[in-house]
Protein backbone atom coordinates (compact mmCIF):
# COMPACT_ATOMS: atom_id res chain seq x y z
CA UNK A 1 -18.68 7.32 -1.86
CA UNK A 2 -18.87 9.62 1.14
CA UNK A 3 -17.26 7.67 3.98
CA UNK A 4 -14.24 5.50 4.58
CA UNK A 5 -14.94 2.13 6.19
CA UNK A 6 -12.48 0.90 8.79
CA UNK A 7 -11.65 -2.80 9.13
CA UNK A 8 -10.79 -3.40 12.78
CA UNK A 9 -8.34 -6.07 13.92
CA UNK A 10 -8.39 -7.96 17.20
CA UNK A 11 -6.23 -5.31 18.87
CA UNK A 12 -8.79 -2.52 18.36
CA UNK A 13 -10.14 -1.06 21.63
CA UNK A 14 -12.82 -3.24 23.21
CA UNK A 15 -15.41 -0.46 23.16
CA UNK A 16 -15.11 -0.32 19.38
CA UNK A 17 -14.79 -4.05 18.70
CA UNK A 18 -18.07 -4.68 20.56
CA UNK A 19 -20.06 -1.86 18.99
CA UNK A 20 -23.61 -3.21 18.83
CA UNK A 21 -24.08 -1.65 15.39
CA UNK A 22 -20.99 -3.24 13.84
CA UNK A 23 -21.01 -5.31 10.69
CA UNK A 24 -18.76 -8.32 10.21
CA UNK A 25 -16.48 -9.05 7.30
CA UNK A 26 -16.13 -12.58 5.98
CA UNK A 27 -13.07 -12.98 8.23
CA UNK A 28 -15.00 -11.92 11.33
CA UNK A 29 -13.29 -8.53 11.63
CA UNK A 30 -15.55 -5.68 12.64
CA UNK A 31 -16.31 -3.14 9.93
CA UNK A 32 -16.96 0.32 11.37
CA UNK A 33 -17.18 3.62 9.44
CA UNK A 34 -14.15 5.71 10.40
CA UNK A 35 -16.28 8.66 11.47
CA UNK A 36 -18.10 6.47 14.04
CA UNK A 37 -15.21 4.39 15.26
CA UNK A 38 -13.88 6.77 17.89
CA UNK A 39 -10.34 5.89 16.78
CA UNK A 40 -7.86 8.20 15.12
CA UNK A 41 -9.52 9.42 11.94
CA UNK A 42 -8.12 10.51 8.61
CA UNK A 43 -7.71 14.25 9.02
CA UNK A 44 -8.57 15.68 5.63
CA UNK A 45 -9.31 19.34 4.97
CA UNK A 46 -9.27 21.82 2.11
CA UNK A 47 -9.99 21.09 -1.57
CA UNK A 48 -11.31 17.54 -1.91
CA UNK A 49 -10.93 17.36 1.89
CA UNK A 50 -7.18 16.88 1.60
CA UNK A 51 -4.76 18.16 4.26
CA UNK A 52 -3.19 21.57 3.66
CA UNK A 53 0.22 19.85 3.53
CA UNK A 54 -0.99 17.74 0.60
CA UNK A 55 -2.08 20.88 -1.26
CA UNK A 56 1.35 22.39 -0.77
CA UNK A 57 3.05 19.22 -1.96
CA UNK A 58 1.00 19.07 -5.13
CA UNK A 59 1.81 22.72 -5.81
CA UNK A 60 5.55 21.93 -5.73
CA UNK A 61 5.25 18.45 -7.21
CA UNK A 62 7.94 19.03 -9.83
CA UNK A 63 10.53 19.08 -7.02
CA UNK A 64 9.60 15.67 -5.61
CA UNK A 65 11.86 12.72 -6.30
CA UNK A 66 10.30 10.26 -8.71
CA UNK A 67 9.51 6.65 -7.84
CA UNK A 68 12.27 5.60 -10.23
CA UNK A 69 14.86 7.84 -8.57
CA UNK A 70 13.96 6.76 -5.03
CA UNK A 71 14.03 3.03 -5.59
CA UNK A 72 16.93 2.96 -7.98
CA UNK A 73 18.85 4.32 -4.98
CA UNK A 74 17.39 2.28 -2.12
CA UNK A 75 15.55 -0.57 -3.80
CA UNK A 76 18.35 -3.05 -3.07
CA UNK A 77 18.11 -2.43 0.69
CA UNK A 78 14.31 -2.80 0.51
CA UNK A 79 14.68 -6.01 -1.46
CA UNK A 80 17.21 -7.54 0.94
CA UNK A 81 14.83 -6.94 3.84
CA UNK A 82 11.93 -8.55 1.97
CA UNK A 83 14.04 -11.59 1.03
CA UNK A 84 15.24 -12.01 4.62
CA UNK A 85 11.69 -11.85 6.05
CA UNK A 86 9.51 -12.89 3.09
CA UNK A 87 6.32 -13.44 5.08
CA UNK A 88 6.44 -10.45 7.43
CA UNK A 89 3.92 -8.56 5.32
CA UNK A 90 1.69 -11.50 4.41
CA UNK A 91 -1.45 -9.90 5.88
CA UNK A 92 -0.87 -6.80 3.77
CA UNK A 93 -0.70 -8.74 0.51
CA UNK A 94 -3.56 -11.07 1.41
CA UNK A 95 -6.03 -8.30 2.22
CA UNK A 96 -5.45 -6.81 -1.24
CA UNK A 97 -5.70 -10.14 -3.04
CA UNK A 98 -8.93 -10.95 -1.18
CA UNK A 99 -10.55 -7.77 -2.47
CA UNK A 100 -9.49 -8.48 -6.06
CA UNK A 101 -11.84 -11.51 -6.21
CA UNK A 102 -9.54 -13.35 -8.60
CA UNK A 103 -10.35 -16.47 -10.59
CA UNK A 104 -8.07 -19.09 -12.21
CA UNK A 105 -6.95 -18.09 -15.66
CA UNK A 106 -7.04 -14.35 -15.02
CA UNK A 107 -4.10 -12.12 -15.90
CA UNK A 108 -3.15 -10.01 -12.87
CA UNK A 109 -0.98 -6.90 -13.17
CA UNK A 110 1.23 -5.86 -10.24
CA UNK A 111 2.34 -2.21 -10.42
CA UNK A 112 4.84 -1.21 -9.17
CA UNK A 113 6.04 -4.75 -8.62
CA UNK A 114 9.25 -4.23 -6.63
CA UNK A 115 10.82 -7.67 -6.36
CA UNK A 116 7.61 -9.48 -7.31
CA UNK A 117 6.60 -10.20 -3.70
CA UNK A 118 2.86 -10.30 -4.48
CA UNK A 119 3.14 -13.20 -6.90
CA UNK A 120 3.09 -16.02 -4.33
CA UNK A 121 -0.17 -14.74 -2.82
CA UNK A 122 -2.20 -15.04 -6.02
CA UNK A 123 -4.65 -17.95 -6.31
CA UNK A 124 -3.52 -20.99 -8.24
CA UNK A 125 -4.07 -20.61 -11.97
CA UNK A 126 -3.72 -16.81 -12.09
CA UNK A 127 -1.10 -15.35 -14.38
CA UNK A 128 1.08 -12.71 -12.68
CA UNK A 129 2.35 -9.82 -14.77
CA UNK A 130 4.66 -7.40 -12.95
CA UNK A 131 6.05 -4.04 -14.01
CA UNK A 132 9.02 -2.57 -12.14
CA UNK A 133 11.39 -0.02 -13.69
CA UNK A 134 14.11 -0.16 -11.01
CA UNK A 135 16.92 -2.67 -11.52
CA UNK A 136 17.87 -2.39 -7.84
CA UNK A 137 15.21 -5.03 -7.11
CA UNK A 138 16.40 -8.61 -7.57
CA UNK A 139 14.93 -11.22 -9.89
CA UNK A 140 15.32 -14.58 -8.12
CA UNK A 141 14.85 -17.59 -10.39
CA UNK A 142 14.10 -15.33 -13.35
CA UNK A 143 10.54 -14.87 -12.08
CA UNK A 144 10.74 -11.10 -12.16
CA UNK A 145 13.04 -8.77 -14.01
CA UNK A 146 13.04 -4.99 -13.99
CA UNK A 147 13.30 -3.28 -17.34
CA UNK A 148 16.03 -0.61 -17.24
CA UNK A 149 14.85 0.85 -20.55
CA UNK A 150 11.44 1.85 -19.13
CA UNK A 151 10.18 4.25 -16.50
CA UNK A 152 7.12 3.49 -14.39
CA UNK A 153 4.91 5.08 -17.05
CA UNK A 154 3.65 4.31 -19.57
CA UNK A 155 2.82 0.70 -18.74
CA UNK A 156 4.42 -1.83 -21.12
CA UNK A 157 1.24 -3.71 -22.04
CA UNK A 158 -1.30 -3.49 -24.82
CA UNK A 159 -4.82 -2.16 -24.41
CA UNK A 160 -7.38 -4.35 -22.58
CA UNK A 161 -4.82 -7.10 -21.88
CA UNK A 162 -5.23 -7.74 -18.12
CA UNK A 163 -8.17 -8.81 -15.95
CA UNK A 164 -7.15 -7.24 -12.64
CA UNK A 165 -4.60 -4.77 -11.29
CA UNK A 166 -3.14 -4.67 -7.80
CA UNK A 167 -1.06 -1.73 -6.63
CA UNK A 168 0.28 -1.99 -3.09
CA UNK A 169 2.17 0.71 -1.17
CA UNK A 170 3.81 2.35 -4.18
CA UNK A 171 1.61 5.17 -5.49
CA UNK A 172 2.28 7.51 -2.56
CA UNK A 173 5.56 8.24 -4.36
CA UNK A 174 3.58 9.74 -7.28
CA UNK A 175 2.45 13.33 -6.88
CA UNK A 176 -0.17 13.31 -9.65
CA UNK A 177 -1.71 9.87 -9.89
CA UNK A 178 -4.31 10.43 -12.60
CA UNK A 179 -1.91 9.46 -15.42
CA UNK A 180 -1.17 6.14 -13.70
CA UNK A 181 -4.88 5.56 -13.13
CA UNK A 182 -5.49 6.32 -16.80
CA UNK A 183 -2.84 3.77 -17.80
CA UNK A 184 -4.53 1.25 -15.52
CA UNK A 185 -7.79 1.88 -17.41
CA UNK A 186 -6.08 1.50 -20.76
CA UNK A 187 -4.61 -1.94 -20.05
CA UNK A 188 -7.54 -3.48 -18.18
CA UNK A 189 -10.39 -5.34 -19.83
CA UNK A 190 -13.99 -4.11 -19.50
CA UNK A 191 -15.37 -4.99 -16.09
CA UNK A 192 -11.87 -5.58 -14.66
CA UNK A 193 -11.05 -4.74 -11.07
CA UNK A 194 -8.42 -2.47 -9.55
CA UNK A 195 -7.28 -2.81 -5.94
CA UNK A 196 -5.31 0.23 -4.80
CA UNK A 197 -3.88 -0.23 -1.30
CA UNK A 198 -1.64 2.46 0.11
CA UNK A 199 -1.05 4.71 3.10
CA UNK A 200 -3.88 7.02 4.16
CA UNK A 201 -3.25 10.75 4.48
CA UNK A 202 -3.18 11.88 8.11
CA UNK A 203 -2.66 8.36 9.50
CA UNK A 204 -0.07 7.24 12.04
CA UNK A 205 1.69 5.36 9.23
CA UNK A 206 1.88 8.54 7.13
CA UNK A 207 3.36 10.46 10.05
CA UNK A 208 5.89 7.70 10.72
CA UNK A 209 7.00 7.60 7.08
CA UNK A 210 7.26 11.34 6.49
CA UNK A 211 8.61 11.96 9.99
CA UNK A 212 10.94 9.31 11.36
CA UNK A 213 11.72 7.51 8.09
CA UNK A 214 12.19 10.73 6.15
CA UNK A 215 14.60 12.08 8.77
CA UNK A 216 16.76 8.95 8.96
CA UNK A 217 16.85 7.21 5.59
CA UNK A 218 18.96 7.66 2.45
CA UNK A 219 16.44 9.48 0.26
CA UNK A 220 14.08 11.32 2.61
CA UNK A 221 10.37 10.62 2.45
CA UNK A 222 7.66 12.93 1.15
CA UNK A 223 4.53 10.92 0.51
CA UNK A 224 1.43 12.06 -1.32
CA UNK A 225 -0.90 9.70 0.48
CA UNK A 226 -4.40 8.51 -0.41
CA UNK A 227 -7.21 10.94 0.37
CA UNK A 228 -10.45 12.09 -1.25
CA UNK A 229 -8.48 13.72 -4.01
CA UNK A 230 -7.29 10.21 -4.92
CA UNK A 231 -10.92 9.15 -5.37
CA UNK A 232 -11.44 12.17 -7.61
CA UNK A 233 -8.40 11.16 -9.69
CA UNK A 234 -9.71 7.60 -10.05
CA UNK A 235 -13.10 8.83 -11.26
CA UNK A 236 -11.42 11.33 -13.58
CA UNK A 237 -9.59 8.40 -15.17
CA UNK A 238 -12.90 6.59 -15.71
CA UNK A 239 -12.93 4.16 -12.78
CA UNK A 240 -16.09 3.27 -10.83
CA UNK A 241 -15.13 3.29 -7.14
CA UNK A 242 -16.78 0.39 -5.33
CA UNK A 243 -15.31 0.45 -1.83
CA UNK A 244 -12.96 2.54 0.30
CA UNK A 245 -11.64 1.04 3.54
CA UNK A 246 -9.06 1.59 6.25
CA UNK A 247 -7.59 -1.84 6.90
CA UNK A 248 -5.55 -2.50 10.07
CA UNK A 249 -3.24 -5.51 10.32
CA UNK A 250 0.19 -6.55 11.59
CA UNK A 251 3.58 -7.00 10.05
CA UNK A 252 4.67 -10.17 11.88
CA UNK A 253 8.13 -11.19 13.15
CA UNK A 254 9.67 -13.83 15.39
CA UNK A 255 10.68 -11.15 17.89
CA UNK A 256 11.23 -7.42 18.31
CA UNK A 257 14.84 -7.60 17.17
CA UNK A 258 13.79 -9.16 13.86
CA UNK A 259 11.16 -6.42 13.52
CA UNK A 260 13.76 -3.69 14.11
CA UNK A 261 16.23 -5.25 11.66
CA UNK A 262 13.55 -5.59 8.97
CA UNK A 263 12.41 -1.97 9.18
CA UNK A 264 15.99 -0.72 9.44
CA UNK A 265 16.71 -2.40 6.09
CA UNK A 266 13.36 -1.91 4.35
CA UNK A 267 13.45 1.86 4.83
CA UNK A 268 17.26 2.10 4.47
CA UNK A 269 17.58 3.90 7.82
CA UNK A 270 21.26 4.76 7.61
CA UNK A 271 21.03 7.60 10.14
CA UNK A 272 19.51 5.55 12.97
CA UNK A 273 20.25 2.33 14.84
CA UNK A 274 17.80 -0.60 14.89
CA UNK A 275 17.26 0.09 18.61
CA UNK A 276 16.27 3.69 17.92
CA UNK A 277 13.96 2.53 15.13
CA UNK A 278 12.28 0.00 17.43
CA UNK A 279 11.62 2.73 20.00
CA UNK A 280 10.14 5.00 17.31
CA UNK A 281 7.85 2.22 16.10
CA UNK A 282 6.66 1.39 19.60
CA UNK A 283 5.92 5.06 20.23
CA UNK A 284 4.38 5.98 16.87
CA UNK A 285 2.70 2.80 15.63
CA UNK A 286 2.56 0.20 18.38
CA UNK A 287 3.83 -3.37 18.72
CA UNK A 288 1.71 -6.25 20.03
CA UNK A 289 2.74 -9.64 21.37
CA UNK A 290 0.64 -12.07 19.33
CA UNK A 291 -0.97 -15.23 20.78
CA UNK A 292 1.87 -17.37 19.38
CA UNK A 293 4.48 -15.15 21.05
CA UNK A 294 5.61 -13.38 17.90
CA UNK A 295 5.85 -9.60 17.56
CA UNK A 296 3.18 -7.81 15.53
CA UNK A 297 3.90 -4.30 14.27
CA UNK A 298 0.70 -2.36 13.74
CA UNK A 299 0.25 -1.15 10.19
CA UNK A 300 -2.65 0.32 8.24
CA UNK A 301 -3.46 0.93 4.58
CA UNK A 302 -6.35 2.60 2.80
CA UNK A 303 -7.64 0.02 0.33
CA UNK A 304 -9.81 1.22 -2.55
CA UNK A 305 -11.46 -1.14 -5.01
CA UNK A 306 -12.69 0.13 -8.37
CA UNK A 307 -14.06 -1.38 -11.55
CA UNK A 308 -13.62 -0.60 -15.19
CA UNK A 309 -16.89 0.16 -16.98
CA UNK A 310 -18.37 -2.60 -19.10
CA UNK A 311 -18.96 -6.31 -18.68
CA UNK A 312 -16.22 -8.77 -17.85
């Protein structure tokens, strides 16, 4: 597909939210192509329209830390933050699950699974199957357990054994994604659906992660974010891309202090105080006071849905 669709939340500028040519999603959110929205766009240039910085990163990809290395080191801090504020990112998980169009009885793969946070958002009757190689993530109640004998790839499942795959906010730690996308194709049944939801190249979130987070956390941050090259890699692996959207939503907290503490832990920001982190978020991303008085941190992911060839 040629254009990225942007899903606009209630806090989008009025001039955009009331565009007379807008479409409406099932939730009532305006759907506006990014090129027409007048908001910050994904700045993509060069081969496959990717930023020059992405080209340079791929050229030196062998020097990037692996997903396994990063989260074996800071996965426990990430996990503690998620356990302390388990519903802060509910909108993020729900928008991905909505696009998966799941039905009772389906087997749903979650890769990488972290601490299994997605599981509670699946519809009743679905069978969650998570894969996470890093033992730094906890396994409360035995519901999820990392396998220290495996890396992220290859996936530990047999061919054509799952009905849907959801991958949320993890693949930007992989430089070359086509092998993962190929593994996704191997394990999914014909006609199965993939929902890939991650940070968009050139977005405010990408700049925050590679800038502020990378400068202040324990591992640095060098993301290879979703761009048109990612679509090329999906198609190279045999996927049929069905939709490509920028989805805006909030991470939600009782107050700004809870927001600062969550991000301080989630990103393992050892070189900054929560107060400094809060100021950086307000400046780089934006924080809204929600109608119920809670604090909403603006966040955005690029969500791509694709289907495996064949009939379900």
